[in-house]
C-alpha cells in the first residue's frame, strides 16, 4: 500500500494491518521552493529527448532553493515518521521510505540515509522506485547504483517500471532500465511491484512480468 504522510491519522496503520499489508510505502512530501522556479523546471522537464543544458540549470536552481528552505520540512518529516514508526512497530508493519521523482521532493539520497539512521532498529525501511532513481540520474542528481548500493541492505520492496527520457511507469523492458543489474541488488525477500501506467498494452505487461 502506498501512502502520503500528509494523510496520516490515528486509524491508518490499523487499517493497513487489517488489510493484511506487509509494508506501507511512504511519500514524504516536498520542499516548497518558489513557484517560478518550479514552473520553469516543469516546462523544461516535460520536453522530449535528453536533458538540455537549460533543464540542468533549472534543476540546479531548484536544488539551491530547496537546500535553503528544507530544514523545517525535513524536521516535520522526521516527526511524522517517528509517530508512524511507533505505531507500525506495535502493529508488526514495515514502512518503506520511497525515493521520489522530482528534485524538490523528499528524500534526496543523503536525506534517505538520515531517515534510515534515525529509525535504525525500528519499522522504517527503504523502498526503491526504479523510474524515480533513473530520472534523478537523468537530471544529474545521483545514480540508480548509488541508491541501491547505499540502501539495498535496508530495502523492503521496489516499484519496477521503465523510463524513456522523462516518461516513467512504462512496462519493464520497453525503456532504458537495466533490470538484470537492478535485480542483483535486491534482497531475496524484497516485495516486487510492477507499477505500470494503465495504458500499457497487455502483451507488454505479460512480457514485463516474465
Protein backbone atom coordinates (compact mmCIF):
# COMPACT_ATOMS: atom_id res chain seq x y z
CA UNK A 1 0.00 0.00 0.00
CA UNK A 2 1.23 3.47 -0.91
CA UNK A 3 0.52 6.44 1.30
CA UNK A 4 1.42 10.10 1.77
CA UNK A 5 2.36 11.09 5.32
CA UNK A 6 0.10 14.11 4.81
CA UNK A 7 -2.84 11.69 5.05
CA UNK A 8 -1.75 10.29 8.42
CA UNK A 9 -4.43 9.65 11.04
CA UNK A 10 -4.75 7.50 14.15
CA UNK A 11 -6.52 4.65 12.37
CA UNK A 12 -4.43 4.43 9.22
CA UNK A 13 -1.84 1.89 10.37
CA UNK A 14 -4.56 -0.23 11.99
CA UNK A 15 -6.47 -0.13 8.68
CA UNK A 16 -3.45 -1.42 6.72
CA UNK A 17 -2.91 -4.10 9.35
CA UNK A 18 -6.49 -5.32 8.86
CA UNK A 19 -5.94 -5.45 5.11
CA UNK A 20 -3.00 -7.79 5.64
CA UNK A 21 -0.31 -5.40 4.40
CA UNK A 22 3.30 -6.35 4.97
CA UNK A 23 4.62 -2.87 4.22
CA UNK A 24 3.32 0.65 3.65
CA UNK A 25 5.13 2.85 1.11
CA UNK A 26 5.55 6.42 2.35
CA UNK A 27 5.61 9.57 0.24
CA UNK A 28 7.34 12.15 2.42
CA UNK A 29 6.22 15.36 0.77
CA UNK A 30 8.28 18.14 -0.77
CA UNK A 31 10.15 21.33 -0.04
CA UNK A 32 8.00 24.26 -1.28
CA UNK A 33 10.50 26.07 -3.48
CA UNK A 34 9.46 29.23 -5.30
CA UNK A 35 6.65 28.71 -7.81
CA UNK A 36 8.51 30.43 -10.66
CA UNK A 37 11.42 28.00 -10.29
CA UNK A 38 9.08 25.03 -10.31
CA UNK A 39 7.15 26.28 -13.32
CA UNK A 40 10.37 26.72 -15.30
CA UNK A 41 11.59 23.28 -14.24
CA UNK A 42 8.25 21.67 -15.20
CA UNK A 43 8.28 23.38 -18.60
CA UNK A 44 11.77 22.18 -19.42
CA UNK A 45 11.33 18.75 -17.83
CA UNK A 46 8.28 17.94 -19.97
CA UNK A 47 10.21 18.24 -23.24
CA UNK A 48 11.12 15.02 -25.03
CA UNK A 49 14.67 13.90 -25.60
CA UNK A 50 17.81 14.05 -23.45
CA UNK A 51 18.10 16.74 -20.78
CA UNK A 52 19.15 20.11 -22.17
CA UNK A 53 21.67 22.44 -20.52
CA UNK A 54 18.71 24.70 -19.69
CA UNK A 55 16.95 21.86 -17.85
CA UNK A 56 20.07 21.02 -15.85
CA UNK A 57 20.48 24.70 -14.93
CA UNK A 58 16.85 24.74 -13.79
CA UNK A 59 17.37 21.63 -11.67
CA UNK A 60 20.41 23.27 -10.04
CA UNK A 61 18.31 26.36 -9.24
CA UNK A 62 15.56 24.20 -7.70
CA UNK A 63 18.12 22.31 -5.61
CA UNK A 64 19.72 25.53 -4.37
CA UNK A 65 16.34 26.90 -3.28
CA UNK A 66 15.46 23.55 -1.76
CA UNK A 67 18.64 23.50 0.33
CA UNK A 68 17.87 26.96 1.67
CA UNK A 69 14.31 26.03 2.67
CA UNK A 70 14.47 22.36 3.55
CA UNK A 71 15.30 22.26 7.29
CA UNK A 72 11.82 22.82 8.82
CA UNK A 73 10.23 20.49 6.27
CA UNK A 74 12.72 17.72 6.92
CA UNK A 75 12.17 18.19 10.66
CA UNK A 76 8.42 17.84 10.09
CA UNK A 77 9.00 14.63 8.13
CA UNK A 78 11.07 13.18 10.98
CA UNK A 79 8.32 13.99 13.50
CA UNK A 80 5.67 12.35 11.31
CA UNK A 81 7.77 9.26 10.66
CA UNK A 82 8.51 8.96 14.39
CA UNK A 83 4.79 8.68 15.15
CA UNK A 84 4.25 6.24 12.29
CA UNK A 85 7.26 4.16 13.30
CA UNK A 86 5.97 3.66 16.85
CA UNK A 87 2.53 2.61 15.64
CA UNK A 88 3.93 0.36 12.89
CA UNK A 89 6.16 -1.42 15.39
CA UNK A 90 3.14 -2.13 17.57
CA UNK A 91 1.24 -3.50 14.56
CA UNK A 92 4.07 -5.53 13.01
CA UNK A 93 4.17 -3.49 9.78
CA UNK A 94 7.16 -2.11 7.89
CA UNK A 95 7.35 1.42 6.49
CA UNK A 96 9.10 1.89 3.15
CA UNK A 97 10.56 5.36 2.55
CA UNK A 98 10.37 5.80 -1.22
CA UNK A 99 12.85 7.72 -3.36
CA UNK A 100 10.93 10.32 -5.35
CA UNK A 101 10.84 11.63 -8.94
CA UNK A 102 11.37 15.41 -8.76
CA UNK A 103 14.30 17.33 -7.25
CA UNK A 104 12.20 19.30 -4.73
CA UNK A 105 10.64 16.16 -3.25
CA UNK A 106 11.79 14.43 -0.05
CA UNK A 107 14.04 12.48 0.29
CA UNK A 108 17.12 13.12 -1.76
CA UNK A 109 19.81 10.46 -1.48
CA UNK A 110 21.54 11.69 1.67
CA UNK A 111 18.22 12.50 3.35
CA UNK A 112 17.12 8.90 2.90
CA UNK A 113 20.23 7.84 4.78
CA UNK A 114 19.49 10.30 7.57
CA UNK A 115 15.94 8.95 7.96
CA UNK A 116 17.09 5.33 7.96
CA UNK A 117 19.75 6.07 10.58
CA UNK A 118 17.28 7.98 12.75
CA UNK A 119 14.95 4.99 12.91
CA UNK A 120 17.51 2.19 12.83
CA UNK A 121 16.13 -0.79 14.70
CA UNK A 122 12.53 0.27 14.10
CA UNK A 123 9.98 -0.36 11.35
CA UNK A 124 11.45 2.06 8.78
CA UNK A 125 13.00 0.61 5.63
CA UNK A 126 13.91 1.80 2.13
CA UNK A 127 11.55 1.42 -0.85
CA UNK A 128 13.28 1.69 -4.23
CA UNK A 129 11.45 3.12 -7.23
CA UNK A 130 13.39 2.26 -10.39
CA UNK A 131 11.94 5.00 -12.59
CA UNK A 132 12.42 7.69 -9.95
CA UNK A 133 16.08 6.73 -9.48
CA UNK A 134 16.68 6.80 -13.22
CA UNK A 135 15.07 10.21 -13.51
CA UNK A 136 17.39 11.55 -10.81
CA UNK A 137 20.25 10.01 -12.78
CA UNK A 138 18.99 11.74 -15.94
CA UNK A 139 18.87 15.07 -14.10
CA UNK A 140 22.39 14.70 -12.71
CA UNK A 141 21.28 14.36 -9.08
CA UNK A 142 22.52 10.82 -8.41
CA UNK A 143 22.57 7.33 -9.87
CA UNK A 144 20.48 4.20 -9.60
CA UNK A 145 23.53 2.25 -8.43
CA UNK A 146 24.20 4.77 -5.66
CA UNK A 147 20.70 4.32 -4.20
CA UNK A 148 20.86 0.53 -4.36
CA UNK A 149 24.42 0.21 -3.09
CA UNK A 150 23.80 2.56 -0.16
CA UNK A 151 20.40 1.28 0.94
CA UNK A 152 19.95 -2.18 -0.59
CA UNK A 153 20.58 -3.84 2.76
CA UNK A 154 17.63 -1.90 4.25
CA UNK A 155 15.35 -2.41 1.24
CA UNK A 156 11.89 -3.89 1.82
CA UNK A 157 10.47 -3.53 -1.68
CA UNK A 158 10.61 -1.92 -5.09
CA UNK A 159 8.44 -0.39 -7.77
CA UNK A 160 9.54 -1.88 -11.07
CA UNK A 161 8.81 0.24 -14.12
CA UNK A 162 10.77 1.54 -17.06
CA UNK A 163 11.62 5.03 -18.28
CA UNK A 164 12.43 6.72 -21.58
CA UNK A 165 13.65 10.27 -21.17
CA UNK A 166 11.38 11.77 -18.52
CA UNK A 167 8.48 9.38 -19.19
CA UNK A 168 8.22 6.71 -16.50
CA UNK A 169 5.78 3.97 -15.48
CA UNK A 170 6.45 2.13 -18.72
CA UNK A 171 6.41 -1.66 -18.76
CA UNK A 172 9.82 -3.06 -17.78
CA UNK A 173 11.79 -3.96 -20.89
CA UNK A 174 10.38 -1.13 -23.02
CA UNK A 175 12.75 1.63 -21.87
CA UNK A 176 16.25 2.32 -20.62
CA UNK A 177 16.46 0.43 -17.30
CA UNK A 178 18.89 -2.47 -16.83
CA UNK A 179 16.68 -4.79 -14.79
CA UNK A 180 19.23 -7.60 -14.59
CA UNK A 181 21.61 -5.23 -12.79
CA UNK A 182 18.83 -3.83 -10.59
CA UNK A 183 17.53 -7.22 -9.50
CA UNK A 184 21.01 -8.30 -8.41
CA UNK A 185 20.87 -5.61 -5.72
CA UNK A 186 17.52 -6.70 -4.27
CA UNK A 187 17.26 -8.92 -1.18
CA UNK A 188 15.66 -12.29 -1.89
CA UNK A 189 12.56 -11.41 0.14
CA UNK A 190 12.04 -7.93 -1.35
CA UNK A 191 8.47 -7.09 -2.38
CA UNK A 192 8.40 -6.54 -6.15
CA UNK A 193 5.56 -4.47 -7.62
CA UNK A 194 5.04 -3.78 -11.32
CA UNK A 195 3.95 -0.13 -11.22
CA UNK A 196 2.95 0.40 -14.84
CA UNK A 197 0.65 3.02 -16.37
CA UNK A 198 -2.86 1.78 -17.28
CA UNK A 199 -2.32 2.46 -20.99
CA UNK A 200 0.44 -0.17 -21.28
CA UNK A 201 -0.62 -2.95 -23.69
CA UNK A 202 -1.41 -6.34 -22.18
CA UNK A 203 1.41 -8.05 -24.09
CA UNK A 204 3.93 -5.57 -22.65
CA UNK A 205 2.71 -6.28 -19.13
CA UNK A 206 2.97 -10.05 -19.60
CA UNK A 207 6.47 -9.72 -21.06
CA UNK A 208 7.45 -7.42 -18.19
CA UNK A 209 6.26 -9.94 -15.62
CA UNK A 210 8.19 -12.75 -17.30
